[in-house]
Amino acid sequence: DTLEDLKDSVNYIMGKYGFPRRTLEEVRRAVGNGIRKLIER
């Protein structure tokens, strides 16, 4: 169960670049096709 760490890492990057943070469910829907696709989504 990697979802919480993925969410925290996504939100670290979103915050660094001034973009809105993502919820756990948004990250859940975005995973599955690799990290680059996770960032794109």
Full PDB file with SEQRES, HELIX, SHEET, SSBOND, CRYST1, ORIGX, SCALE, CONECT and MASTER records, all heavy atoms in Angstrom:
SEQRES   1 A   41  ASP THR LEU GLU ASP LEU LYS ASP SER VAL ASN TYR ILE          
SEQRES   2 A   41  MET GLY LYS TYR GLY PHE PRO ARG ARG THR LEU GLU GLU          
SEQRES   3 A   41  VAL ARG ARG ALA VAL GLY ASN GLY ILE ARG LYS LEU ILE          
SEQRES   4 A   41  GLU ARG                                                      
HELIX    1 AA1 LEU A    3  LYS A   16  1                                  14    
HELIX    2 AA2 LEU A   24  ALA A   30  1                                   7    
HELIX    3 AA3 ILE A   35  GLU A   40  1                                   6    
CRYST1    1.000    1.000    1.000  90.00  90.00  90.00 P 1           1          
ORIGX1      1.000000  0.000000  0.000000        0.00000                         
ORIGX2      0.000000  1.000000  0.000000        0.00000                         
ORIGX3      0.000000  0.000000  1.000000        0.00000                         
SCALE1      1.000000  0.000000  0.000000        0.00000                         
SCALE2      0.000000  1.000000  0.000000        0.00000                         
SCALE3      0.000000  0.000000  1.000000        0.00000                         
ATOM      1  N   ASP A   1       0.869  -1.171   0.000  1.00  0.00           N  
ATOM      2  CA  ASP A   1       0.000   0.000   0.000  1.00  0.00           C  
ATOM      3  C   ASP A   1       0.909   1.225   0.000  1.00  0.00           C  
ATOM      4  O   ASP A   1       1.367   1.687   1.046  1.00  0.00           O  
ATOM      5  CB  ASP A   1      -0.906   0.002   1.217  1.00  0.00           C  
ATOM      6  CG  ASP A   1      -1.897   1.154   1.190  1.00  0.00           C  
ATOM      7  OD1 ASP A   1      -1.819   1.996   0.280  1.00  0.00           O  
ATOM      8  OD2 ASP A   1      -2.753   1.204   2.098  1.00  0.00           O  
ATOM      9  N   THR A   2       1.170   1.744  -1.177  1.00  0.00           N  
ATOM     10  CA  THR A   2       2.103   2.859  -1.373  1.00  0.00           C  
ATOM     11  C   THR A   2       1.389   4.196  -1.545  1.00  0.00           C  
ATOM     12  O   THR A   2       2.038   5.222  -1.770  1.00  0.00           O  
ATOM     13  CB  THR A   2       2.957   2.605  -2.628  1.00  0.00           C  
ATOM     14  OG1 THR A   2       2.080   2.422  -3.749  1.00  0.00           O  
ATOM     15  CG2 THR A   2       3.814   1.361  -2.473  1.00  0.00           C  
ATOM     16  N   LEU A   3       0.072   4.204  -1.431  1.00  0.00           N  
ATOM     17  CA  LEU A   3      -0.705   5.363  -1.859  1.00  0.00           C  
ATOM     18  C   LEU A   3      -0.402   6.625  -1.054  1.00  0.00           C  
ATOM     19  O   LEU A   3      -0.293   7.722  -1.616  1.00  0.00           O  
ATOM     20  CB  LEU A   3      -2.199   5.041  -1.794  1.00  0.00           C  
ATOM     21  CG  LEU A   3      -3.119   5.971  -2.574  1.00  0.00           C  
ATOM     22  CD1 LEU A   3      -2.736   6.013  -4.045  1.00  0.00           C  
ATOM     23  CD2 LEU A   3      -4.570   5.539  -2.420  1.00  0.00           C  
ATOM     24  N   GLU A   4      -0.256   6.496   0.262  1.00  0.00           N  
ATOM     25  CA  GLU A   4      -0.004   7.686   1.092  1.00  0.00           C  
ATOM     26  C   GLU A   4       1.340   8.324   0.749  1.00  0.00           C  
ATOM     27  O   GLU A   4       1.443   9.553   0.651  1.00  0.00           O  
ATOM     28  CB  GLU A   4      -0.054   7.311   2.572  1.00  0.00           C  
ATOM     29  CG  GLU A   4      -1.442   7.014   3.105  1.00  0.00           C  
ATOM     30  CD  GLU A   4      -2.254   8.277   3.351  1.00  0.00           C  
ATOM     31  OE1 GLU A   4      -1.711   9.385   3.207  1.00  0.00           O  
ATOM     32  OE2 GLU A   4      -3.438   8.141   3.687  1.00  0.00           O  
ATOM     33  N   ASP A   5       2.369   7.504   0.554  1.00  0.00           N  
ATOM     34  CA  ASP A   5       3.679   8.062   0.195  1.00  0.00           C  
ATOM     35  C   ASP A   5       3.652   8.682  -1.194  1.00  0.00           C  
ATOM     36  O   ASP A   5       4.304   9.716  -1.437  1.00  0.00           O  
ATOM     37  CB  ASP A   5       4.765   6.984   0.274  1.00  0.00           C  
ATOM     38  CG  ASP A   5       5.203   6.709   1.706  1.00  0.00           C  
ATOM     39  OD1 ASP A   5       5.035   7.596   2.564  1.00  0.00           O  
ATOM     40  OD2 ASP A   5       5.723   5.601   1.965  1.00  0.00           O  
ATOM     41  N   LEU A   6       2.925   8.070  -2.117  1.00  0.00           N  
ATOM     42  CA  LEU A   6       2.786   8.656  -3.449  1.00  0.00           C  
ATOM     43  C   LEU A   6       2.054   9.996  -3.382  1.00  0.00           C  
ATOM     44  O   LEU A   6       2.454  10.971  -4.015  1.00  0.00           O  
ATOM     45  CB  LEU A   6       2.048   7.688  -4.384  1.00  0.00           C  
ATOM     46  CG  LEU A   6       2.847   6.478  -4.847  1.00  0.00           C  
ATOM     47  CD1 LEU A   6       1.923   5.463  -5.516  1.00  0.00           C  
ATOM     48  CD2 LEU A   6       3.966   6.885  -5.803  1.00  0.00           C  
ATOM     49  N   LYS A   7       0.988  10.034  -2.593  1.00  0.00           N  
ATOM     50  CA  LYS A   7       0.236  11.286  -2.448  1.00  0.00           C  
ATOM     51  C   LYS A   7       1.109  12.372  -1.843  1.00  0.00           C  
ATOM     52  O   LYS A   7       1.127  13.523  -2.318  1.00  0.00           O  
ATOM     53  CB  LYS A   7      -1.000  11.062  -1.571  1.00  0.00           C  
ATOM     54  CG  LYS A   7      -1.881  12.305  -1.435  1.00  0.00           C  
ATOM     55  CD  LYS A   7      -2.751  12.257  -0.185  1.00  0.00           C  
ATOM     56  CE  LYS A   7      -1.901  12.514   1.054  1.00  0.00           C  
ATOM     57  NZ  LYS A   7      -2.708  12.701   2.282  1.00  0.00           N  
ATOM     58  N   ASP A   8       1.842  12.052  -0.801  1.00  0.00           N  
ATOM     59  CA  ASP A   8       2.690  13.050  -0.148  1.00  0.00           C  
ATOM     60  C   ASP A   8       3.771  13.556  -1.097  1.00  0.00           C  
ATOM     61  O   ASP A   8       4.109  14.752  -1.100  1.00  0.00           O  
ATOM     62  CB  ASP A   8       3.334  12.453   1.103  1.00  0.00           C  
ATOM     63  CG  ASP A   8       2.326  12.206   2.220  1.00  0.00           C  
ATOM     64  OD1 ASP A   8       1.179  12.698   2.116  1.00  0.00           O  
ATOM     65  OD2 ASP A   8       2.691  11.511   3.197  1.00  0.00           O  
ATOM     66  N   SER A   9       4.302  12.662  -1.920  1.00  0.00           N  
ATOM     67  CA  SER A   9       5.345  13.065  -2.870  1.00  0.00           C  
ATOM     68  C   SER A   9       4.764  13.923  -3.989  1.00  0.00           C  
ATOM     69  O   SER A   9       5.374  14.913  -4.412  1.00  0.00           O  
ATOM     70  CB  SER A   9       6.035  11.824  -3.442  1.00  0.00           C  
ATOM     71  OG  SER A   9       6.721  11.108  -2.419  1.00  0.00           O  
ATOM     72  N   VAL A  10       3.592  13.538  -4.479  1.00  0.00           N  
ATOM     73  CA  VAL A  10       2.908  14.357  -5.488  1.00  0.00           C  
ATOM     74  C   VAL A  10       2.655  15.758  -4.939  1.00  0.00           C  
ATOM     75  O   VAL A  10       2.921  16.770  -5.606  1.00  0.00           O  
ATOM     76  CB  VAL A  10       1.578  13.702  -5.921  1.00  0.00           C  
ATOM     77  CG1 VAL A  10       0.694  14.710  -6.667  1.00  0.00           C  
ATOM     78  CG2 VAL A  10       1.842  12.498  -6.813  1.00  0.00           C  
ATOM     79  N   ASN A  11       2.169  15.837  -3.710  1.00  0.00           N  
ATOM     80  CA  ASN A  11       1.826  17.138  -3.154  1.00  0.00           C  
ATOM     81  C   ASN A  11       3.052  17.972  -2.803  1.00  0.00           C  
ATOM     82  O   ASN A  11       2.995  19.215  -2.831  1.00  0.00           O  
ATOM     83  CB  ASN A  11       0.902  16.969  -1.953  1.00  0.00           C  
ATOM     84  CG  ASN A  11      -0.511  16.613  -2.377  1.00  0.00           C  
ATOM     85  OD1 ASN A  11      -0.948  16.981  -3.470  1.00  0.00           O  
ATOM     86  ND2 ASN A  11      -1.225  15.882  -1.537  1.00  0.00           N  
ATOM     87  N   TYR A  12       4.146  17.325  -2.506  1.00  0.00           N  
ATOM     88  CA  TYR A  12       5.401  18.063  -2.332  1.00  0.00           C  
ATOM     89  C   TYR A  12       5.761  18.767  -3.643  1.00  0.00           C  
ATOM     90  O   TYR A  12       6.114  19.962  -3.649  1.00  0.00           O  
ATOM     91  CB  TYR A  12       6.520  17.118  -1.913  1.00  0.00           C  
ATOM     92  CG  TYR A  12       7.896  17.744  -2.045  1.00  0.00           C  
ATOM     93  CD1 TYR A  12       8.375  18.627  -1.079  1.00  0.00           C  
ATOM     94  CD2 TYR A  12       8.705  17.476  -3.155  1.00  0.00           C  
ATOM     95  CE1 TYR A  12       9.630  19.218  -1.206  1.00  0.00           C  
ATOM     96  CE2 TYR A  12       9.953  18.061  -3.289  1.00  0.00           C  
ATOM     97  CZ  TYR A  12      10.407  18.928  -2.317  1.00  0.00           C  
ATOM     98  OH  TYR A  12      11.644  19.518  -2.455  1.00  0.00           O  
ATOM     99  N   ILE A  13       5.656  18.026  -4.753  1.00  0.00           N  
ATOM    100  CA  ILE A  13       5.996  18.591  -6.059  1.00  0.00           C  
ATOM    101  C   ILE A  13       4.978  19.649  -6.483  1.00  0.00           C  
ATOM    102  O   ILE A  13       5.335  20.703  -7.016  1.00  0.00           O  
ATOM    103  CB  ILE A  13       6.076  17.469  -7.123  1.00  0.00           C  
ATOM    104  CG1 ILE A  13       7.221  16.504  -6.771  1.00  0.00           C  
ATOM    105  CG2 ILE A  13       6.282  18.063  -8.512  1.00  0.00           C  
ATOM    106  CD1 ILE A  13       8.580  17.142  -6.685  1.00  0.00           C  
ATOM    107  N   MET A  14       3.704  19.377  -6.249  1.00  0.00           N  
ATOM    108  CA  MET A  14       2.681  20.366  -6.593  1.00  0.00           C  
ATOM    109  C   MET A  14       2.932  21.675  -5.840  1.00  0.00           C  
ATOM    110  O   MET A  14       2.841  22.765  -6.413  1.00  0.00           O  
ATOM    111  CB  MET A  14       1.275  19.838  -6.260  1.00  0.00           C  
ATOM    112  CG  MET A  14       0.816  18.646  -7.083  1.00  0.00           C  
ATOM    113  SD  MET A  14       0.711  18.948  -8.855  1.00  0.00           S  
ATOM    114  CE  MET A  14       2.025  17.859  -9.423  1.00  0.00           C  
ATOM    115  N   GLY A  15       3.254  21.569  -4.550  1.00  0.00           N  
ATOM    116  CA  GLY A  15       3.528  22.757  -3.760  1.00  0.00           C  
ATOM    117  C   GLY A  15       4.767  23.496  -4.226  1.00  0.00           C  
ATOM    118  O   GLY A  15       4.788  24.732  -4.279  1.00  0.00           O  
ATOM    119  N   LYS A  16       5.794  22.752  -4.586  1.00  0.00           N  
ATOM    120  CA  LYS A  16       7.042  23.364  -5.035  1.00  0.00           C  
ATOM    121  C   LYS A  16       6.833  24.202  -6.286  1.00  0.00           C  
ATOM    122  O   LYS A  16       7.466  25.259  -6.455  1.00  0.00           O  
ATOM    123  CB  LYS A  16       8.080  22.275  -5.294  1.00  0.00           C  
ATOM    124  CG  LYS A  16       9.422  22.807  -5.779  1.00  0.00           C  
ATOM    125  CD  LYS A  16      10.446  21.685  -5.953  1.00  0.00           C  
ATOM    126  CE  LYS A  16      11.773  22.256  -6.463  1.00  0.00           C  
ATOM    127  NZ  LYS A  16      12.808  21.190  -6.608  1.00  0.00           N  
ATOM    128  N   TYR A  17       5.934  23.758  -7.159  1.00  0.00           N  
ATOM    129  CA  TYR A  17       5.705  24.455  -8.424  1.00  0.00           C  
ATOM    130  C   TYR A  17       4.454  25.337  -8.402  1.00  0.00           C  
ATOM    131  O   TYR A  17       4.042  25.859  -9.441  1.00  0.00           O  
ATOM    132  CB  TYR A  17       5.630  23.442  -9.573  1.00  0.00           C  
ATOM    133  CG  TYR A  17       6.996  22.889  -9.944  1.00  0.00           C  
ATOM    134  CD1 TYR A  17       7.558  21.843  -9.232  1.00  0.00           C  
ATOM    135  CD2 TYR A  17       7.729  23.459 -10.989  1.00  0.00           C  
ATOM    136  CE1 TYR A  17       8.816  21.345  -9.555  1.00  0.00           C  
ATOM    137  CE2 TYR A  17       8.982  22.963 -11.314  1.00  0.00           C  
ATOM    138  CZ  TYR A  17       9.518  21.906 -10.590  1.00  0.00           C  
ATOM    139  OH  TYR A  17      10.774  21.426 -10.912  1.00  0.00           O  
ATOM    140  N   GLY A  18       3.834  25.471  -7.242  1.00  0.00           N  
ATOM    141  CA  GLY A  18       2.697  26.373  -7.108  1.00  0.00           C  
ATOM    142  C   GLY A  18       1.403  25.853  -7.678  1.00  0.00           C  
ATOM    143  O   GLY A  18       0.497  26.648  -7.997  1.00  0.00           O  
ATOM    144  N   PHE A  19       1.261  24.526  -7.786  1.00  0.00           N  
ATOM    145  CA  PHE A  19       0.033  23.937  -8.310  1.00  0.00           C  
ATOM    146  C   PHE A  19      -0.838  23.420  -7.163  1.00  0.00           C  
ATOM    147  O   PHE A  19      -0.343  23.153  -6.063  1.00  0.00           O  
ATOM    148  CB  PHE A  19       0.361  22.781  -9.259  1.00  0.00           C  
ATOM    149  CG  PHE A  19       1.004  23.211 -10.550  1.00  0.00           C  
ATOM    150  CD1 PHE A  19       1.949  22.402 -11.180  1.00  0.00           C  
ATOM    151  CD2 PHE A  19       0.662  24.411 -11.156  1.00  0.00           C  
ATOM    152  CE1 PHE A  19       2.546  22.787 -12.375  1.00  0.00           C  
ATOM    153  CE2 PHE A  19       1.241  24.806 -12.349  1.00  0.00           C  
ATOM    154  CZ  PHE A  19       2.188  23.991 -12.963  1.00  0.00           C  
ATOM    155  N   PRO A  20      -2.134  23.230  -7.414  1.00  0.00           N  
ATOM    156  CA  PRO A  20      -3.030  22.732  -6.360  1.00  0.00           C  
ATOM    157  C   PRO A  20      -2.640  21.330  -5.903  1.00  0.00           C  
ATOM    158  O   PRO A  20      -2.195  20.499  -6.699  1.00  0.00           O  
ATOM    159  CB  PRO A  20      -4.399  22.717  -7.050  1.00  0.00           C  
ATOM    160  CG  PRO A  20      -4.277  23.661  -8.205  1.00  0.00           C  
ATOM    161  CD  PRO A  20      -2.860  23.559  -8.661  1.00  0.00           C  
ATOM    162  N   ARG A  21      -2.816  21.076  -4.612  1.00  0.00           N  
ATOM    163  CA  ARG A  21      -2.552  19.756  -4.058  1.00  0.00           C  
ATOM    164  C   ARG A  21      -3.617  18.765  -4.527  1.00  0.00           C  
ATOM    165  O   ARG A  21      -4.725  19.161  -4.887  1.00  0.00           O  
ATOM    166  CB  ARG A  21      -2.533  19.810  -2.527  1.00  0.00           C  
ATOM    167  CG  ARG A  21      -1.353  20.603  -1.967  1.00  0.00           C  
ATOM    168  CD  ARG A  21      -1.537  20.887  -0.490  1.00  0.00           C  
ATOM    169  NE  ARG A  21      -1.612  19.652   0.289  1.00  0.00           N  
ATOM    170  CZ  ARG A  21      -0.554  18.998   0.772  1.00  0.00           C  
ATOM    171  NH1 ARG A  21       0.668  19.450   0.520  1.00  0.00           N  
ATOM    172  NH2 ARG A  21      -0.708  17.901   1.484  1.00  0.00           N  
ATOM    173  N   ARG A  22      -3.275  17.486  -4.495  1.00  0.00           N  
ATOM    174  CA  ARG A  22      -4.192  16.439  -4.929  1.00  0.00           C  
ATOM    175  C   ARG A  22      -4.651  15.592  -3.742  1.00  0.00           C  
ATOM    176  O   ARG A  22      -3.886  15.338  -2.815  1.00  0.00           O  
ATOM    177  CB  ARG A  22      -3.515  15.533  -5.962  1.00  0.00           C  
ATOM    178  CG  ARG A  22      -3.179  16.264  -7.271  1.00  0.00           C  
ATOM    179  CD  ARG A  22      -4.437  16.812  -7.920  1.00  0.00           C  
ATOM    180  NE  ARG A  22      -4.148  17.503  -9.186  1.00  0.00           N  
ATOM    181  CZ  ARG A  22      -5.075  18.092  -9.926  1.00  0.00           C  
ATOM    182  NH1 ARG A  22      -6.347  18.071  -9.532  1.00  0.00           N  
ATOM    183  NH2 ARG A  22      -4.748  18.705 -11.047  1.00  0.00           N  
ATOM    184  N   THR A  23      -5.907  15.164  -3.786  1.00  0.00           N  
ATOM    185  CA  THR A  23      -6.443  14.318  -2.722  1.00  0.00           C  
ATOM    186  C   THR A  23      -5.960  12.880  -2.907  1.00  0.00           C  
ATOM    187  O   THR A  23      -5.432  12.506  -3.965  1.00  0.00           O  
ATOM    188  CB  THR A  23      -7.972  14.325  -2.737  1.00  0.00           C  
ATOM    189  OG1 THR A  23      -8.427  13.669  -3.945  1.00  0.00           O  
ATOM    190  CG2 THR A  23      -8.519  15.742  -2.674  1.00  0.00           C  
ATOM    191  N   LEU A  24      -6.181  12.088  -1.882  1.00  0.00           N  
ATOM    192  CA  LEU A  24      -5.811  10.673  -1.951  1.00  0.00           C  
ATOM    193  C   LEU A  24      -6.533   9.979  -3.088  1.00  0.00           C  
ATOM    194  O   LEU A  24      -5.928   9.179  -3.827  1.00  0.00           O  
ATOM    195  CB  LEU A  24      -6.137   9.990  -0.615  1.00  0.00           C  
ATOM    196  CG  LEU A  24      -5.534   8.591  -0.417  1.00  0.00           C  
ATOM    197  CD1 LEU A  24      -4.018   8.684  -0.278  1.00  0.00           C  
ATOM    198  CD2 LEU A  24      -6.133   7.940   0.828  1.00  0.00           C  
ATOM    199  N   GLU A  25      -7.812  10.289  -3.269  1.00  0.00           N  
ATOM    200  CA  GLU A  25      -8.574   9.638  -4.335  1.00  0.00           C  
ATOM    201  C   GLU A  25      -8.112  10.076  -5.711  1.00  0.00           C  
ATOM    202  O   GLU A  25      -8.103   9.277  -6.663  1.00  0.00           O  
ATOM    203  CB  GLU A  25     -10.067   9.919  -4.153  1.00  0.00           C  
ATOM    204  CG  GLU A  25     -10.703   9.122  -3.038  1.00  0.00           C  
ATOM    205  CD  GLU A  25     -10.426   7.632  -3.145  1.00  0.00           C  
ATOM    206  OE1 GLU A  25     -10.682   7.060  -4.221  1.00  0.00           O  
ATOM    207  OE2 GLU A  25      -9.947   7.044  -2.163  1.00  0.00           O  
ATOM    208  N   GLU A  26      -7.713  11.333  -5.853  1.00  0.00           N  
ATOM    209  CA  GLU A  26      -7.190  11.794  -7.136  1.00  0.00           C  
ATOM    210  C   GLU A  26      -5.897  11.079  -7.487  1.00  0.00           C  
ATOM    211  O   GLU A  26      -5.682  10.682  -8.640  1.00  0.00           O  
ATOM    212  CB  GLU A  26      -6.971  13.310  -7.095  1.00  0.00           C  
ATOM    213  CG  GLU A  26      -8.254  14.108  -7.159  1.00  0.00           C  
ATOM    214  CD  GLU A  26      -8.037  15.591  -6.965  1.00  0.00           C  
ATOM    215  OE1 GLU A  26      -7.105  15.973  -6.211  1.00  0.00           O  
ATOM    216  OE2 GLU A  26      -8.785  16.379  -7.568  1.00  0.00           O  
ATOM    217  N   VAL A  27      -5.043  10.893  -6.501  1.00  0.00           N  
ATOM    218  CA  VAL A  27      -3.790  10.171  -6.742  1.00  0.00           C  
ATOM    219  C   VAL A  27      -4.079   8.703  -7.030  1.00  0.00           C  
ATOM    220  O   VAL A  27      -3.465   8.100  -7.916  1.00  0.00           O  
ATOM    221  CB  VAL A  27      -2.837  10.328  -5.538  1.00  0.00           C  
ATOM    222  CG1 VAL A  27      -1.592   9.461  -5.717  1.00  0.00           C  
ATOM    223  CG2 VAL A  27      -2.433  11.788  -5.370  1.00  0.00           C  
ATOM    224  N   ARG A  28      -5.045   8.128  -6.326  1.00  0.00           N  
ATOM    225  CA  ARG A  28      -5.416   6.730  -6.567  1.00  0.00           C  
ATOM    226  C   ARG A  28      -5.818   6.526  -8.034  1.00  0.00           C  
ATOM    227  O   ARG A  28      -5.414   5.553  -8.668  1.00  0.00           O  
ATOM    228  CB  ARG A  28      -6.575   6.326  -5.657  1.00  0.00           C  
ATOM    229  CG  ARG A  28      -6.985   4.851  -5.799  1.00  0.00           C  
ATOM    230  CD  ARG A  28      -8.305   4.597  -5.089  1.00  0.00           C  
ATOM    231  NE  ARG A  28      -8.252   4.932  -3.691  1.00  0.00           N  
ATOM    232  CZ  ARG A  28      -7.825   4.118  -2.736  1.00  0.00           C  
ATOM    233  NH1 ARG A  28      -7.415   2.904  -3.048  1.00  0.00           N  
ATOM    234  NH2 ARG A  28      -7.818   4.505  -1.473  1.00  0.00           N  
ATOM    235  N   ARG A  29      -6.609   7.446  -8.549  1.00  0.00           N  
ATOM    236  CA  ARG A  29      -7.058   7.321  -9.934  1.00  0.00           C  
ATOM    237  C   ARG A  29      -5.934   7.556 -10.939  1.00  0.00           C  
ATOM    238  O   ARG A  29      -6.009   7.081 -12.073  1.00  0.00           O  
ATOM    239  CB  ARG A  29      -8.212   8.305 -10.203  1.00  0.00           C  
ATOM    240  CG  ARG A  29      -9.498   7.971  -9.472  1.00  0.00           C  
ATOM    241  CD  ARG A  29     -10.670   8.766 -10.030  1.00  0.00           C  
ATOM    242  NE  ARG A  29     -10.497  10.207  -9.829  1.00  0.00           N  
ATOM    243  CZ  ARG A  29     -10.936  10.869  -8.767  1.00  0.00           C  
ATOM    244  NH1 ARG A  29     -11.557  10.218  -7.792  1.00  0.00           N  
ATOM    245  NH2 ARG A  29     -10.759  12.181  -8.673  1.00  0.00           N  
ATOM    246  N   ALA A  30      -4.907   8.281 -10.521  1.00  0.00           N  
ATOM    247  CA  ALA A  30      -3.844   8.669 -11.441  1.00  0.00           C  
ATOM    248  C   ALA A  30      -2.721   7.635 -11.548  1.00  0.00           C  
ATOM    249  O   ALA A  30      -1.947   7.665 -12.504  1.00  0.00           O  
ATOM    250  CB  ALA A  30      -3.245  10.014 -11.016  1.00  0.00           C  
ATOM    251  N   VAL A  31      -2.626   6.713 -10.591  1.00  0.00           N  
ATOM    252  CA  VAL A  31      -1.529   5.747 -10.613  1.00  0.00           C  
ATOM    253  C   VAL A  31      -1.859   4.580 -11.547  1.00  0.00           C  
ATOM    254  O   VAL A  31      -3.010   4.365 -11.920  1.00  0.00           O  
ATOM    255  CB  VAL A  31      -1.224   5.202  -9.197  1.00  0.00           C  
ATOM    256  CG1 VAL A  31      -0.769   6.324  -8.284  1.00  0.00           C  
ATOM    257  CG2 VAL A  31      -2.436   4.482  -8.618  1.00  0.00           C  
ATOM    258  N   GLY A  32      -0.814   3.835 -11.924  1.00  0.00           N  
ATOM    259  CA  GLY A  32      -1.016   2.618 -12.705  1.00  0.00           C  
ATOM    260  C   GLY A  32      -0.192   2.536 -13.966  1.00  0.00           C  
ATOM    261  O   GLY A  32       0.067   1.443 -14.468  1.00  0.00           O  
ATOM    262  N   ASN A  33       0.228   3.684 -14.475  1.00  0.00           N  
ATOM    263  CA  ASN A  33       0.980   3.688 -15.732  1.00  0.00           C  
ATOM    264  C   ASN A  33       2.374   4.296 -15.587  1.00  0.00           C  
ATOM    265  O   ASN A  33       2.943   4.783 -16.554  1.00  0.00           O  
ATOM    266  CB  ASN A  33       0.203   4.446 -16.810  1.00  0.00           C  
ATOM    267  CG  ASN A  33      -1.100   3.765 -17.176  1.00  0.00           C  
ATOM    268  OD1 ASN A  33      -2.150   4.070 -16.593  1.00  0.00           O  
ATOM    269  ND2 ASN A  33      -1.052   2.837 -18.113  1.00  0.00           N  
ATOM    270  N   GLY A  34       2.905   4.271 -14.377  1.00  0.00           N  
ATOM    271  CA  GLY A  34       4.236   4.806 -14.150  1.00  0.00           C  
ATOM    272  C   GLY A  34       4.200   6.222 -13.591  1.00  0.00           C  
ATOM    273  O   GLY A  34       3.175   6.905 -13.611  1.00  0.00           O  
ATOM    274  N   ILE A  35       5.366   6.660 -13.064  1.00  0.00           N  
ATOM    275  CA  ILE A  35       5.442   7.943 -12.379  1.00  0.00           C  
ATOM    276  C   ILE A  35       5.261   9.123 -13.331  1.00  0.00           C  
ATOM    277  O   ILE A  35       4.609  10.116 -12.990  1.00  0.00           O  
ATOM    278  CB  ILE A  35       6.785   8.068 -11.628  1.00  0.00           C  
ATOM    279  CG1 ILE A  35       6.869   7.010 -10.517  1.00  0.00           C  
ATOM    280  CG2 ILE A  35       6.941   9.462 -11.031  1.00  0.00           C  
ATOM    281  CD1 ILE A  35       5.800   7.137  -9.464  1.00  0.00           C  
ATOM    282  N   ARG A  36       5.836   9.057 -14.520  1.00  0.00           N  
ATOM    283  CA  ARG A  36       5.696  10.180 -15.452  1.00  0.00           C  
ATOM    284  C   ARG A  36       4.218  10.432 -15.754  1.00  0.00           C  
ATOM    285  O   ARG A  36       3.759  11.574 -15.796  1.00  0.00           O  
ATOM    286  CB  ARG A  36       6.476   9.914 -16.734  1.00  0.00           C  
ATOM    287  CG  ARG A  36       6.443  11.103 -17.704  1.00  0.00           C  
ATOM    288  CD  ARG A  36       7.331  10.887 -18.904  1.00  0.00           C  
ATOM    289  NE  ARG A  36       8.734  11.192 -18.644  1.00  0.00           N  
ATOM    290  CZ  ARG A  36       9.679  10.287 -18.412  1.00  0.00           C  
ATOM    291  NH1 ARG A  36       9.382   9.003 -18.407  1.00  0.00           N  
ATOM    292  NH2 ARG A  36      10.919  10.657 -18.192  1.00  0.00           N  
ATOM    293  N   LYS A  37       3.469   9.348 -15.964  1.00  0.00           N  
ATOM    294  CA  LYS A  37       2.031   9.494 -16.233  1.00  0.00           C  
ATOM    295  C   LYS A  37       1.296  10.014 -14.985  1.00  0.00           C  
ATOM    296  O   LYS A  37       0.338  10.794 -15.118  1.00  0.00           O  
ATOM    297  CB  LYS A  37       1.442   8.159 -16.676  1.00  0.00           C  
ATOM    298  CG  LYS A  37      -0.011   8.224 -17.125  1.00  0.00           C  
ATOM    299  CD  LYS A  37      -0.197   9.123 -18.329  1.00  0.00           C  
ATOM    300  CE  LYS A  37       0.424   8.522 -19.577  1.00  0.00           C  
ATOM    301  NZ  LYS A  37       0.093   9.328 -20.776  1.00  0.00           N  
ATOM    302  N   LEU A  38       1.745   9.621 -13.806  1.00  0.00           N  
ATOM    303  CA  LEU A  38       1.162  10.132 -12.569  1.00  0.00           C  
ATOM    304  C   LEU A  38       1.315  11.651 -12.491  1.00  0.00           C  
ATOM    305  O   LEU A  38       0.365  12.366 -12.137  1.00  0.00           O  
ATOM    306  CB  LEU A  38       1.838   9.477 -11.360  1.00  0.00           C  
ATOM    307  CG  LEU A  38       1.533  10.064  -9.982  1.00  0.00           C  
ATOM    308  CD1 LEU A  38       0.053   9.977  -9.656  1.00  0.00           C  
ATOM    309  CD2 LEU A  38       2.363   9.359  -8.904  1.00  0.00           C  
ATOM    310  N   ILE A  39       2.491  12.150 -12.846  1.00  0.00           N  
ATOM    311  CA  ILE A  39       2.717  13.593 -12.836  1.00  0.00           C  
ATOM    312  C   ILE A  39       1.850  14.275 -13.892  1.00  0.00           C  
ATOM    313  O   ILE A  39       1.223  15.307 -13.633  1.00  0.00           O  
ATOM    314  CB  ILE A  39       4.203  13.916 -13.068  1.00  0.00           C  
ATOM    315  CG1 ILE A  39       5.072  13.293 -11.962  1.00  0.00           C  
ATOM    316  CG2 ILE A  39       4.424  15.429 -13.132  1.00  0.00           C  
ATOM    317  CD1 ILE A  39       4.743  13.749 -10.576  1.00  0.00           C  
ATOM    318  N   GLU A  40       1.791  13.698 -15.084  1.00  0.00           N  
ATOM    319  CA  GLU A  40       0.970  14.275 -16.157  1.00  0.00           C  
ATOM    320  C   GLU A  40      -0.488  14.397 -15.736  1.00  0.00           C  
ATOM    321  O   GLU A  40      -1.175  15.375 -16.076  1.00  0.00           O  
ATOM    322  CB  GLU A  40       1.061  13.400 -17.408  1.00  0.00           C  
ATOM    323  CG  GLU A  40       2.402  13.446 -18.121  1.00  0.00           C  
ATOM    324  CD  GLU A  40       2.429  12.504 -19.315  1.00  0.00           C  
ATOM    325  OE1 GLU A  40       1.358  11.970 -19.678  1.00  0.00           O  
ATOM    326  OE2 GLU A  40       3.515  12.294 -19.875  1.00  0.00           O  
ATOM    327  N   ARG A  41      -0.981  13.396 -15.024  1.00  0.00           N  
ATOM    328  CA  ARG A  41      -2.378  13.389 -14.605  1.00  0.00           C  
ATOM    329  C   ARG A  41      -2.630  14.291 -13.398  1.00  0.00           C  
ATOM    330  O   ARG A  41      -3.798  14.594 -13.085  1.00  0.00           O  
ATOM    331  CB  ARG A  41      -2.804  11.957 -14.291  1.00  0.00           C  
ATOM    332  CG  ARG A  41      -2.876  11.062 -15.525  1.00  0.00           C  
ATOM    333  CD  ARG A  41      -3.006   9.599 -15.139  1.00  0.00           C  
ATOM    334  NE  ARG A  41      -3.182   8.750 -16.318  1.00  0.00           N  
ATOM    335  CZ  ARG A  41      -3.062   7.416 -16.303  1.00  0.00           C  
ATOM    336  NH1 ARG A  41      -2.779   6.788 -15.169  1.00  0.00           N  
ATOM    337  NH2 ARG A  41      -3.243   6.717 -17.411  1.00  0.00           N  
TER     338      ARG A  41                                                      
MASTER        0    0    0    3    0    0    0    6  337    1    0    4          
END                                                                             
